[in-house]
N, C-alpha and C. Protein backbone atom coordinates (compact mmCIF):
# COMPACT_ATOMS: atom_id res chain seq x y z
N MET A 1 101.32 69.52 185.80
CA MET A 1 101.10 68.50 186.72
C MET A 1 102.00 67.35 186.20
N ASN A 2 102.74 66.50 187.14
CA ASN A 2 103.51 65.42 186.86
C ASN A 2 102.63 64.23 187.30
N ILE A 3 102.73 63.21 186.13
CA ILE A 3 101.71 61.89 186.56
C ILE A 3 102.55 60.76 186.20
N ILE A 4 102.26 59.70 186.89
CA ILE A 4 102.81 58.15 186.66
C ILE A 4 101.56 57.38 186.30
N LEU A 5 101.66 56.57 185.17
CA LEU A 5 100.70 56.02 184.54
C LEU A 5 100.99 54.39 185.03
N LEU A 6 100.27 53.54 185.61
CA LEU A 6 100.33 52.15 185.92
C LEU A 6 99.14 51.60 185.18
N GLY A 7 99.44 50.22 184.81
CA GLY A 7 98.33 49.38 184.22
C GLY A 7 98.88 48.14 183.69
N PRO A 8 98.31 47.01 184.01
CA PRO A 8 98.76 45.67 183.33
C PRO A 8 98.59 45.65 182.02
N PRO A 9 99.26 44.65 181.09
CA PRO A 9 98.89 44.43 179.72
C PRO A 9 97.33 44.33 179.48
N GLY A 10 96.99 45.15 178.45
CA GLY A 10 95.62 44.78 178.08
C GLY A 10 94.62 45.78 178.77
N ALA A 11 95.18 46.54 179.64
CA ALA A 11 94.33 47.48 180.45
C ALA A 11 93.78 48.88 179.50
N GLY A 12 94.51 48.91 178.50
CA GLY A 12 94.20 50.29 177.72
C GLY A 12 94.96 51.36 177.99
N LYS A 13 96.20 50.93 178.73
CA LYS A 13 97.07 52.19 179.19
C LYS A 13 97.44 53.01 178.10
N GLY A 14 97.86 52.41 177.00
CA GLY A 14 98.46 53.14 175.71
C GLY A 14 97.47 54.08 175.34
N THR A 15 95.96 53.63 175.24
CA THR A 15 95.07 54.49 174.59
C THR A 15 94.94 55.74 175.52
N GLN A 16 94.73 55.44 176.91
CA GLN A 16 94.44 56.55 177.72
C GLN A 16 95.73 57.60 177.89
N ALA A 17 96.96 56.96 177.73
CA ALA A 17 98.11 57.89 177.71
C ALA A 17 98.02 58.91 176.46
N LYS A 18 97.62 58.42 175.33
CA LYS A 18 97.67 59.18 174.11
C LYS A 18 96.52 60.33 174.47
N LYS A 19 95.57 59.93 175.17
CA LYS A 19 94.47 61.04 175.32
C LYS A 19 94.81 62.13 176.42
N ILE A 20 95.51 61.44 177.34
CA ILE A 20 96.00 62.45 178.36
C ILE A 20 97.06 63.42 177.80
N GLN A 21 98.00 62.74 177.00
CA GLN A 21 99.07 63.72 176.37
C GLN A 21 98.31 64.71 175.61
N GLU A 22 97.33 64.33 174.63
CA GLU A 22 96.66 65.32 173.74
C GLU A 22 95.83 66.39 174.65
N TYR A 23 95.18 65.90 175.49
CA TYR A 23 94.20 66.77 176.30
C TYR A 23 94.95 67.85 177.12
N TYR A 24 96.08 67.44 177.83
CA TYR A 24 96.71 68.28 178.84
C TYR A 24 98.03 68.87 178.07
N SER A 25 98.27 68.33 177.02
CA SER A 25 99.55 68.74 176.32
C SER A 25 100.77 68.42 177.30
N LEU A 26 100.91 67.26 177.69
CA LEU A 26 102.00 66.89 178.57
C LEU A 26 102.77 65.76 177.64
N PRO A 27 104.19 65.90 177.96
CA PRO A 27 105.10 64.80 177.09
C PRO A 27 104.86 63.50 177.77
N HIS A 28 104.64 62.59 176.82
CA HIS A 28 104.50 61.13 177.08
C HIS A 28 105.88 60.49 177.30
N ILE A 29 106.32 60.13 178.50
CA ILE A 29 107.58 59.80 178.71
C ILE A 29 107.89 58.31 178.85
N SER A 30 108.25 57.46 178.06
CA SER A 30 108.29 55.92 178.25
C SER A 30 109.98 55.60 178.17
N THR A 31 110.31 54.53 179.11
CA THR A 31 111.60 54.09 178.87
C THR A 31 112.06 53.75 177.64
N GLY A 32 111.03 52.80 176.87
CA GLY A 32 111.23 52.48 175.80
C GLY A 32 111.54 53.51 174.60
N ASP A 33 110.87 54.65 174.72
CA ASP A 33 110.79 55.74 173.86
C ASP A 33 112.34 56.40 173.97
N ILE A 34 112.62 56.57 175.31
CA ILE A 34 114.00 57.22 175.57
C ILE A 34 115.01 56.26 175.21
N LEU A 35 114.96 54.94 175.38
CA LEU A 35 116.20 54.16 175.09
C LEU A 35 116.27 54.07 173.49
N ARG A 36 115.10 54.07 172.74
CA ARG A 36 115.35 54.19 171.12
C ARG A 36 115.81 55.56 170.62
N GLU A 37 115.33 56.57 171.36
CA GLU A 37 115.69 57.88 170.97
C GLU A 37 117.32 57.96 171.18
N ASN A 38 117.75 57.63 172.32
CA ASN A 38 119.31 57.72 172.59
C ASN A 38 120.17 56.80 171.59
N ILE A 39 119.58 55.56 171.34
CA ILE A 39 120.20 54.55 170.74
C ILE A 39 120.08 55.18 169.03
N ASN A 40 119.11 55.70 168.58
CA ASN A 40 119.03 56.10 167.17
C ASN A 40 119.92 57.44 167.05
N ASN A 41 120.00 58.19 168.15
CA ASN A 41 120.88 59.42 168.16
C ASN A 41 122.13 59.12 168.27
N ASN A 42 122.64 57.91 168.69
CA ASN A 42 123.97 57.57 169.10
C ASN A 42 124.60 58.36 170.10
N THR A 43 123.72 58.73 171.21
CA THR A 43 124.58 59.52 172.14
C THR A 43 125.28 58.47 173.08
N GLY A 44 126.06 58.94 173.98
CA GLY A 44 126.76 58.38 174.93
C GLY A 44 126.06 57.19 175.84
N LEU A 45 124.82 57.72 176.26
CA LEU A 45 124.01 57.01 177.14
C LEU A 45 123.29 55.99 176.05
N GLY A 46 123.06 56.27 174.94
CA GLY A 46 122.55 55.18 174.08
C GLY A 46 123.48 54.02 173.67
N ILE A 47 124.58 54.51 173.51
CA ILE A 47 125.66 53.50 173.21
C ILE A 47 125.94 52.43 174.49
N LYS A 48 125.96 53.01 175.58
CA LYS A 48 125.94 52.22 176.71
C LYS A 48 124.62 51.17 176.97
N ALA A 49 123.49 51.81 176.68
CA ALA A 49 122.43 51.04 176.75
C ALA A 49 122.14 49.88 175.76
N LYS A 50 122.77 50.19 174.51
CA LYS A 50 122.81 49.30 173.21
C LYS A 50 123.83 48.20 173.53
N SER A 51 124.77 48.48 174.31
CA SER A 51 125.77 47.29 174.66
C SER A 51 125.15 46.40 175.53
N TYR A 52 124.31 46.74 176.37
CA TYR A 52 123.58 45.57 177.35
C TYR A 52 122.43 44.89 176.48
N MET A 53 121.76 45.72 175.68
CA MET A 53 120.60 45.18 174.93
C MET A 53 120.99 44.33 173.82
N SER A 54 122.20 44.65 173.20
CA SER A 54 122.65 43.74 172.13
C SER A 54 123.13 42.12 172.81
N ARG A 55 123.48 42.09 174.21
CA ARG A 55 123.79 40.83 174.62
C ARG A 55 122.64 40.24 175.51
N GLY A 56 121.51 40.92 175.24
CA GLY A 56 120.19 40.23 175.78
C GLY A 56 120.07 40.51 177.16
N GLU A 57 120.73 41.57 177.79
CA GLU A 57 120.75 41.86 179.11
C GLU A 57 119.74 42.96 179.58
N LEU A 58 119.22 43.22 180.50
CA LEU A 58 118.44 44.21 180.93
C LEU A 58 119.41 45.68 181.23
N VAL A 59 118.75 46.54 180.69
CA VAL A 59 119.61 47.90 180.99
C VAL A 59 119.58 48.03 182.61
N PRO A 60 120.81 48.25 183.17
CA PRO A 60 120.85 48.30 184.67
C PRO A 60 120.06 49.69 185.24
N ASP A 61 119.58 49.69 186.37
CA ASP A 61 118.96 50.83 187.04
C ASP A 61 119.79 52.04 187.01
N GLU A 62 121.00 52.00 187.11
CA GLU A 62 121.82 53.19 187.10
C GLU A 62 121.77 53.94 185.90
N LEU A 63 121.67 53.25 184.68
CA LEU A 63 121.72 53.81 183.53
C LEU A 63 120.26 54.27 183.13
N LEU A 64 119.30 53.54 183.47
CA LEU A 64 117.81 53.95 183.25
C LEU A 64 117.51 55.29 183.99
N ILE A 65 118.21 55.39 185.26
CA ILE A 65 117.93 56.52 186.08
C ILE A 65 118.52 57.68 185.39
N THR A 66 119.83 57.61 184.60
CA THR A 66 120.35 58.83 184.14
C THR A 66 119.55 59.23 183.05
N LEU A 67 119.17 58.07 182.18
CA LEU A 67 118.09 58.49 181.04
C LEU A 67 117.06 59.29 181.40
N ILE A 68 116.42 58.94 182.43
CA ILE A 68 115.16 59.57 182.91
C ILE A 68 115.59 60.98 183.44
N LYS A 69 116.80 61.22 184.03
CA LYS A 69 117.01 62.28 184.71
C LYS A 69 117.22 63.27 183.51
N ASP A 70 118.02 62.85 182.57
CA ASP A 70 118.20 63.74 181.35
C ASP A 70 116.97 64.20 180.87
N ARG A 71 115.97 63.11 180.66
CA ARG A 71 114.83 63.36 179.81
C ARG A 71 113.90 64.51 180.66
N LEU A 72 113.97 64.38 181.79
CA LEU A 72 113.08 65.19 182.65
C LEU A 72 113.73 66.63 182.83
N SER A 73 114.97 66.84 182.40
CA SER A 73 115.47 68.02 182.50
C SER A 73 115.30 68.92 181.15
N LYS A 74 114.68 68.13 180.25
CA LYS A 74 114.51 69.00 178.85
C LYS A 74 113.35 70.02 179.27
N LYS A 75 113.27 71.16 178.50
CA LYS A 75 112.38 72.38 178.45
C LYS A 75 110.96 71.76 178.55
N ASP A 76 110.51 70.79 177.70
CA ASP A 76 109.06 70.52 177.66
C ASP A 76 108.54 69.91 178.59
N CYS A 77 109.33 69.57 179.88
CA CYS A 77 108.90 68.81 180.98
C CYS A 77 108.71 69.81 182.17
N ASP A 78 109.04 71.27 181.69
CA ASP A 78 108.75 72.36 182.76
C ASP A 78 107.53 72.51 183.39
N GLU A 79 106.55 72.41 182.40
CA GLU A 79 105.33 72.44 182.96
C GLU A 79 104.47 71.02 183.43
N GLY A 80 105.19 70.26 183.28
CA GLY A 80 104.47 68.80 183.65
C GLY A 80 104.85 67.54 182.62
N PHE A 81 104.68 66.50 183.07
CA PHE A 81 105.14 65.31 182.12
C PHE A 81 104.19 64.09 182.88
N MET A 82 104.08 63.07 181.81
CA MET A 82 103.61 61.85 182.30
C MET A 82 104.45 60.80 182.07
N LEU A 83 104.80 59.94 183.09
CA LEU A 83 105.63 58.88 183.17
C LEU A 83 104.89 57.35 182.87
N ASP A 84 105.33 56.84 181.79
CA ASP A 84 104.76 55.62 181.57
C ASP A 84 105.98 54.47 181.43
N GLY A 85 105.67 53.39 182.37
CA GLY A 85 106.73 52.25 182.23
C GLY A 85 107.94 52.50 183.37
N TYR A 86 107.99 53.70 183.87
CA TYR A 86 109.09 53.87 184.98
C TYR A 86 108.22 54.74 186.01
N PRO A 87 108.46 54.60 187.29
CA PRO A 87 109.49 53.28 187.70
C PRO A 87 108.48 52.02 187.61
N ARG A 88 109.24 50.92 187.72
CA ARG A 88 108.66 49.65 187.95
C ARG A 88 108.91 48.77 189.06
N THR A 89 109.97 49.46 189.80
CA THR A 89 110.42 48.82 191.24
C THR A 89 110.55 49.93 192.20
N ILE A 90 110.62 49.54 193.56
CA ILE A 90 110.77 50.47 194.46
C ILE A 90 112.08 51.21 194.49
N PRO A 91 113.20 50.47 194.35
CA PRO A 91 114.45 51.28 194.03
C PRO A 91 114.44 52.34 193.03
N GLN A 92 113.73 51.86 191.76
CA GLN A 92 113.47 53.03 190.87
C GLN A 92 112.61 54.19 191.42
N ALA A 93 111.49 53.99 191.95
CA ALA A 93 110.82 54.92 192.67
C ALA A 93 111.50 55.83 193.52
N ASP A 94 112.40 55.18 194.43
CA ASP A 94 113.29 56.19 195.37
C ASP A 94 114.14 57.00 194.51
N ALA A 95 114.76 56.50 193.38
CA ALA A 95 115.59 57.16 192.68
C ALA A 95 114.97 58.31 191.99
N LEU A 96 113.73 57.95 191.54
CA LEU A 96 112.77 59.19 190.86
C LEU A 96 112.55 60.12 191.86
N GLN A 97 112.29 59.66 193.16
CA GLN A 97 112.05 60.84 194.15
C GLN A 97 113.21 61.73 194.32
N MET A 98 114.36 61.05 194.32
CA MET A 98 115.70 61.91 194.53
C MET A 98 115.82 62.98 193.39
N ILE A 99 115.62 62.42 192.00
CA ILE A 99 115.72 63.31 191.06
C ILE A 99 114.75 64.38 190.94
N LEU A 100 113.50 64.13 191.29
CA LEU A 100 112.52 65.29 191.35
C LEU A 100 112.73 66.15 192.63
N THR A 101 113.26 65.76 193.72
CA THR A 101 113.57 66.50 194.82
C THR A 101 114.52 67.69 194.58
N GLU A 102 115.64 67.17 193.85
CA GLU A 102 116.82 67.91 193.46
C GLU A 102 116.42 69.03 192.45
N SER A 103 115.30 68.81 191.66
CA SER A 103 114.89 69.82 190.81
C SER A 103 113.73 70.64 191.20
N GLY A 104 113.21 70.59 192.38
CA GLY A 104 112.09 70.99 193.17
C GLY A 104 110.76 70.67 192.38
N LYS A 105 110.68 69.43 192.12
CA LYS A 105 109.33 68.93 191.47
C LYS A 105 108.95 67.76 192.49
N LYS A 106 107.92 67.15 192.03
CA LYS A 106 107.04 66.24 192.77
C LYS A 106 106.18 65.48 191.70
N ILE A 107 105.77 64.05 192.26
CA ILE A 107 104.72 63.61 191.52
C ILE A 107 103.24 63.93 192.06
N ASP A 108 102.48 64.45 191.25
CA ASP A 108 101.17 64.91 191.80
C ASP A 108 100.14 63.72 191.73
N ALA A 109 100.16 62.85 190.98
CA ALA A 109 99.31 61.71 191.03
C ALA A 109 99.74 60.57 190.17
N VAL A 110 99.36 59.43 190.90
CA VAL A 110 99.66 58.00 190.09
C VAL A 110 98.39 57.24 189.82
N LEU A 111 98.18 57.12 188.38
CA LEU A 111 96.88 56.69 188.14
C LEU A 111 97.21 55.25 187.80
N ASN A 112 96.31 54.32 188.35
CA ASN A 112 96.53 52.71 188.22
C ASN A 112 95.10 52.35 187.84
N ILE A 113 95.48 51.96 186.44
CA ILE A 113 94.31 51.42 185.58
C ILE A 113 94.17 49.98 185.83
N SER A 114 93.09 49.60 186.49
CA SER A 114 92.76 48.12 187.00
C SER A 114 91.65 47.48 186.13
N VAL A 115 91.91 46.38 185.62
CA VAL A 115 91.04 45.38 185.07
C VAL A 115 91.13 43.96 185.52
N ASP A 116 89.83 43.47 185.74
CA ASP A 116 89.86 41.99 186.29
C ASP A 116 90.60 41.24 185.37
N ASP A 117 91.29 40.11 185.90
CA ASP A 117 92.22 39.30 185.08
C ASP A 117 91.37 38.59 183.87
N ASN A 118 90.17 38.06 184.36
CA ASN A 118 89.42 37.37 183.17
C ASN A 118 89.18 38.27 181.99
N GLU A 119 88.77 39.58 182.10
CA GLU A 119 88.65 40.60 181.30
C GLU A 119 89.99 40.72 180.22
N LEU A 120 91.00 40.86 181.22
CA LEU A 120 92.41 40.96 180.34
C LEU A 120 92.63 39.96 179.60
N ILE A 121 92.50 38.67 179.98
CA ILE A 121 92.71 37.37 179.37
C ILE A 121 92.09 37.42 177.88
N LYS A 122 90.60 37.88 178.19
CA LYS A 122 89.69 37.83 177.25
C LYS A 122 90.24 38.84 175.99
N ARG A 123 90.69 39.99 176.31
CA ARG A 123 91.07 40.89 175.51
C ARG A 123 92.40 40.49 174.96
N LEU A 124 93.38 40.20 175.55
CA LEU A 124 94.71 39.81 174.96
C LEU A 124 94.64 38.58 174.19
N SER A 125 93.66 37.54 174.56
CA SER A 125 93.75 36.42 173.90
C SER A 125 92.94 36.45 172.27
N GLY A 126 92.18 37.48 172.25
CA GLY A 126 91.55 37.67 171.20
C GLY A 126 92.24 37.94 169.91
N ARG A 127 93.44 38.30 170.09
CA ARG A 127 94.28 38.95 168.94
C ARG A 127 94.71 37.86 168.00
N ARG A 128 94.58 38.10 166.76
CA ARG A 128 94.85 37.14 165.56
C ARG A 128 95.85 38.01 164.62
N MET A 129 97.04 37.35 164.16
CA MET A 129 97.88 37.70 163.35
C MET A 129 98.04 37.27 161.94
N CYS A 130 98.50 37.93 160.94
CA CYS A 130 98.74 37.49 159.84
C CYS A 130 100.26 37.43 159.39
N LYS A 131 100.76 36.61 158.60
CA LYS A 131 102.09 36.67 158.11
C LYS A 131 102.53 38.03 157.40
N CYS A 132 101.56 38.54 156.86
CA CYS A 132 101.60 39.87 156.11
C CYS A 132 101.72 41.06 156.97
N GLY A 133 101.46 40.84 158.23
CA GLY A 133 101.61 42.04 159.26
C GLY A 133 100.32 42.47 159.86
N ALA A 134 99.14 42.04 159.14
CA ALA A 134 98.00 42.61 159.59
C ALA A 134 97.42 41.80 160.87
N SER A 135 96.70 42.75 161.65
CA SER A 135 96.43 42.26 162.99
C SER A 135 94.87 42.49 163.27
N PHE A 136 94.24 41.40 163.80
CA PHE A 136 92.77 41.45 164.01
C PHE A 136 92.51 41.11 165.42
N HIS A 137 91.26 41.29 165.72
CA HIS A 137 90.69 40.75 167.11
C HIS A 137 89.29 40.20 166.82
N VAL A 138 89.25 39.03 167.61
CA VAL A 138 87.94 38.33 167.41
C VAL A 138 86.83 39.11 167.93
N LEU A 139 86.85 40.00 168.67
CA LEU A 139 85.74 40.80 169.52
C LEU A 139 85.68 42.13 168.94
N PHE A 140 86.90 42.76 168.87
CA PHE A 140 86.77 44.12 168.34
C PHE A 140 87.21 44.54 167.09
N ASN A 141 87.80 43.62 166.27
CA ASN A 141 88.19 44.04 164.98
C ASN A 141 88.37 42.72 164.19
N SER A 142 87.23 41.91 164.07
CA SER A 142 87.19 40.56 163.50
C SER A 142 87.37 40.66 162.13
N PRO A 143 88.01 39.82 161.38
CA PRO A 143 88.19 39.74 159.78
C PRO A 143 86.80 39.39 159.24
N GLU A 144 86.46 39.70 158.14
CA GLU A 144 85.54 39.21 157.34
C GLU A 144 84.95 37.95 157.32
N LYS A 145 86.19 37.06 157.15
CA LYS A 145 85.74 35.65 157.19
C LYS A 145 86.50 35.05 158.36
N GLU A 146 86.16 34.22 159.22
CA GLU A 146 86.93 33.80 160.33
C GLU A 146 88.11 33.28 159.96
N ASP A 147 89.26 33.66 160.66
CA ASP A 147 90.70 33.00 160.52
C ASP A 147 91.40 33.23 159.19
N VAL A 148 90.53 34.26 158.35
CA VAL A 148 91.20 34.60 157.19
C VAL A 148 91.47 36.14 157.05
N CYS A 149 92.81 36.40 156.70
CA CYS A 149 93.16 37.83 156.65
C CYS A 149 92.27 38.75 155.46
N ASP A 150 91.89 39.78 155.84
CA ASP A 150 91.21 40.65 154.85
C ASP A 150 91.90 41.11 153.72
N ALA A 151 93.40 41.37 154.14
CA ALA A 151 94.41 41.89 153.23
C ALA A 151 94.86 41.05 152.13
N CYS A 152 95.27 39.84 152.71
CA CYS A 152 96.17 38.91 151.78
C CYS A 152 95.55 37.51 151.66
N LYS A 153 94.24 37.44 152.30
CA LYS A 153 93.51 36.08 152.29
C LYS A 153 94.37 34.87 152.98
N GLY A 154 95.47 35.25 153.78
CA GLY A 154 96.27 34.45 154.42
C GLY A 154 95.51 33.89 155.47
N LYS A 155 96.05 32.55 156.19
CA LYS A 155 95.47 32.07 157.27
C LYS A 155 95.85 32.82 158.53
N LEU A 156 95.26 33.21 159.45
CA LEU A 156 95.29 33.93 160.66
C LEU A 156 95.99 33.06 161.91
N TYR A 157 96.71 33.54 162.59
CA TYR A 157 97.24 32.56 163.70
C TYR A 157 97.25 33.35 165.02
N GLN A 158 97.31 32.66 166.09
CA GLN A 158 97.48 33.33 167.43
C GLN A 158 98.88 33.14 167.87
N ARG A 159 99.56 34.09 168.40
CA ARG A 159 100.99 34.21 168.64
C ARG A 159 100.90 33.32 170.23
N GLU A 160 102.19 32.80 170.26
CA GLU A 160 102.10 31.94 171.55
C GLU A 160 101.87 32.66 172.83
N ASP A 161 102.32 34.01 172.80
CA ASP A 161 102.32 34.80 174.04
C ASP A 161 100.98 35.50 174.26
N ASP A 162 100.05 35.16 173.18
CA ASP A 162 98.64 35.63 173.24
C ASP A 162 97.86 34.50 173.81
N LYS A 163 98.24 33.40 173.97
CA LYS A 163 97.45 32.26 174.59
C LYS A 163 97.13 32.45 175.88
N PRO A 164 95.96 32.13 176.40
CA PRO A 164 95.51 32.35 177.94
C PRO A 164 96.55 31.80 178.93
N GLU A 165 97.22 30.86 178.82
CA GLU A 165 98.18 30.47 179.77
C GLU A 165 99.58 31.36 179.74
N ALA A 166 99.88 31.68 178.73
CA ALA A 166 101.04 32.84 178.69
C ALA A 166 100.44 34.13 179.12
N ILE A 167 99.39 34.48 178.92
CA ILE A 167 98.88 35.67 179.52
C ILE A 167 98.80 35.87 180.78
N SER A 168 98.25 34.64 181.43
CA SER A 168 97.88 34.57 182.68
C SER A 168 99.54 34.67 183.66
N ASN A 169 100.33 34.02 183.12
CA ASN A 169 101.90 34.14 183.36
C ASN A 169 102.25 35.68 183.42
N ARG A 170 102.05 36.28 182.17
CA ARG A 170 102.50 37.68 182.20
C ARG A 170 101.79 38.48 183.29
N LEU A 171 100.60 38.30 183.42
CA LEU A 171 99.76 39.06 184.38
C LEU A 171 100.24 38.78 185.83
N ASN A 172 100.69 37.64 186.09
CA ASN A 172 101.14 37.16 187.39
C ASN A 172 102.58 37.97 187.67
N VAL A 173 103.18 38.11 186.62
CA VAL A 173 104.66 38.60 186.58
C VAL A 173 104.50 40.09 186.99
N TYR A 174 103.52 40.67 186.34
CA TYR A 174 103.26 42.11 186.47
C TYR A 174 102.75 42.56 187.83
N LYS A 175 101.95 41.46 188.33
CA LYS A 175 101.41 41.94 189.85
C LYS A 175 102.37 41.86 191.02
N LYS A 176 103.22 40.66 190.47
CA LYS A 176 104.32 40.51 191.72
C LYS A 176 105.31 41.70 191.64
N GLN A 177 105.59 42.29 190.47
CA GLN A 177 106.44 43.42 190.26
C GLN A 177 105.78 44.87 190.62
N THR A 178 104.60 44.94 190.25
CA THR A 178 103.84 46.27 190.55
C THR A 178 103.17 46.40 191.74
N GLN A 179 102.67 45.51 192.51
CA GLN A 179 102.08 45.49 193.91
C GLN A 179 102.71 46.50 194.79
N PRO A 180 103.98 46.05 194.81
CA PRO A 180 104.65 46.83 195.95
C PRO A 180 104.92 48.31 195.52
N LEU A 181 104.71 48.69 194.35
CA LEU A 181 104.85 50.07 193.86
C LEU A 181 103.47 50.67 193.99
N ILE A 182 102.47 49.99 193.77
CA ILE A 182 101.15 50.55 194.15
C ILE A 182 101.03 50.88 195.67
N ASP A 183 101.42 49.92 196.36
CA ASP A 183 101.45 50.23 197.93
C ASP A 183 102.42 51.29 198.19
N TYR A 184 103.53 51.63 197.61
CA TYR A 184 104.42 52.72 197.89
C TYR A 184 103.82 53.95 197.72
N TYR A 185 102.96 54.04 196.45
CA TYR A 185 102.38 55.25 196.28
C TYR A 185 101.09 55.47 197.02
N ASP A 186 100.44 54.53 197.33
CA ASP A 186 99.16 54.49 198.25
C ASP A 186 99.30 55.08 199.44
N LYS A 187 100.59 54.60 199.99
CA LYS A 187 101.00 55.09 201.50
C LYS A 187 101.25 56.63 201.16
N LYS A 188 101.88 57.24 200.24
CA LYS A 188 102.12 58.57 199.78
C LYS A 188 100.84 59.40 199.62
N LYS A 189 99.65 58.68 199.47
CA LYS A 189 98.38 59.24 199.27
C LYS A 189 98.16 59.96 197.88
N ILE A 190 98.86 59.41 196.84
CA ILE A 190 98.65 60.18 195.58
C ILE A 190 98.34 59.06 194.59
N LEU A 191 98.06 57.84 195.12
CA LEU A 191 97.58 56.73 194.09
C LEU A 191 95.99 56.87 193.95
N ARG A 192 95.56 56.76 192.76
CA ARG A 192 94.14 56.60 192.33
C ARG A 192 93.96 55.48 191.35
N THR A 193 93.12 54.59 191.76
CA THR A 193 92.85 53.60 190.75
C THR A 193 91.71 53.92 189.92
N ILE A 194 91.66 53.59 188.82
CA ILE A 194 90.59 53.89 187.69
C ILE A 194 90.21 52.53 187.05
N ASP A 195 88.89 52.44 187.13
CA ASP A 195 88.12 51.18 186.68
C ASP A 195 88.40 51.17 184.94
N GLY A 196 89.48 50.30 184.67
CA GLY A 196 89.45 50.04 183.17
C GLY A 196 88.69 49.13 182.49
N SER A 197 87.57 48.70 183.12
CA SER A 197 86.74 47.86 182.40
C SER A 197 85.74 48.70 181.60
N LYS A 198 85.55 49.94 181.90
CA LYS A 198 84.53 50.60 181.23
C LYS A 198 85.05 51.04 179.76
N ASP A 199 83.89 51.96 179.23
CA ASP A 199 84.17 52.30 177.68
C ASP A 199 85.41 53.22 177.78
N ILE A 200 85.99 53.49 176.67
CA ILE A 200 87.32 54.07 176.54
C ILE A 200 87.04 55.67 176.98
N SER A 201 86.00 56.21 176.54
CA SER A 201 85.74 57.69 176.81
C SER A 201 85.20 57.74 178.38
N GLN A 202 84.54 56.89 178.92
CA GLN A 202 84.34 56.90 180.27
C GLN A 202 85.50 56.83 181.16
N ILE A 203 86.43 55.96 180.80
CA ILE A 203 87.66 55.88 181.64
C ILE A 203 88.21 57.40 181.61
N PHE A 204 88.51 57.83 180.40
CA PHE A 204 89.09 59.14 180.34
C PHE A 204 88.46 60.23 181.07
N GLU A 205 87.08 60.17 181.35
CA GLU A 205 86.27 61.08 181.97
C GLU A 205 86.70 60.72 183.33
N GLU A 206 86.93 59.74 183.90
CA GLU A 206 87.14 59.55 185.26
C GLU A 206 88.55 59.86 185.61
N ILE A 207 89.51 59.82 184.53
CA ILE A 207 91.07 60.33 184.78
C ILE A 207 90.87 61.74 184.93
N LYS A 208 90.13 62.43 183.85
CA LYS A 208 90.03 63.89 184.00
C LYS A 208 89.46 64.43 185.37
N LYS A 209 88.59 63.69 185.93
CA LYS A 209 87.92 64.04 187.24
C LYS A 209 89.05 63.96 188.34
N VAL A 210 89.82 62.71 188.19
CA VAL A 210 90.79 62.90 189.13
C VAL A 210 92.05 63.75 189.13
N LEU A 211 92.34 64.16 187.76
CA LEU A 211 93.53 65.10 187.63
C LEU A 211 92.83 66.57 188.04
N GLU A 212 91.76 66.77 187.95
CA GLU A 212 91.10 68.08 188.19
C GLU A 212 91.13 68.33 189.68
N GLU A 213 90.93 67.21 190.54
CA GLU A 213 90.98 67.35 191.84
C GLU A 213 92.40 67.66 192.41
N TYR A 214 93.46 67.06 191.71
CA TYR A 214 94.67 67.56 192.20
C TYR A 214 95.27 68.79 191.65
N ASP A 215 94.68 69.30 190.43
CA ASP A 215 94.77 70.68 189.95
C ASP A 215 94.40 71.55 190.96
N LYS A 216 93.08 71.36 191.59
CA LYS A 216 92.59 72.26 192.37
C LYS A 216 93.46 72.37 193.59
N LYS A 217 93.93 71.31 194.19
CA LYS A 217 94.80 71.37 195.36
C LYS A 217 96.15 72.17 195.24
N ASP A 218 96.62 72.11 193.86
CA ASP A 218 97.79 72.99 193.50
C ASP A 218 97.55 74.37 193.65
N THR A 219 96.27 74.64 193.16
CA THR A 219 95.93 76.08 192.90
C THR A 219 95.43 76.80 194.19
N LYS A 220 95.21 76.06 195.34
CA LYS A 220 94.84 76.61 196.49
C LYS A 220 95.94 77.30 197.14
């Protein structure tokens, strides 16, 4: 089964991606991981990508597409894969479609983990950091003493990009970028929206039900 995973910051996409990877034995493919792997291994593609990143520029679509094509050609993707963070735009989705068509593959399901903006802001704005590297959350992993690090007793602080105003802006950017992609896959009738406000285990059970439906279609 070939899956695309979508979800805004704070939706718990990373947690669910790990569960899907373990339960279905699917390789978890993210553009970030691919870029790091190629750069660390000093491949030709990695050298090209690094030249853009070192100048603070975005890696162009043409290079990302080549990286994705190369990754999907690996043997561990023969029985399926899960894409996370790609595609992000309609041109990237079109390019992915061409790659898969050439290799006789297709996307079976696009899982869109959806959470209300207010809940996302609450989740993301609750993070507190310490200069020693420790991380806490006022709701889910609070320190023993308010605003004091359990590890080094230093004062905890909130990062600028974890403040509500910054989070709201990040969510608006995500929606503007991703909504066309959601519509794109909805028209193809492979998009399924998952309620990300539930408990982690409940979300995963919903994901399993969706994937079982597609699996049954493929075996008919």
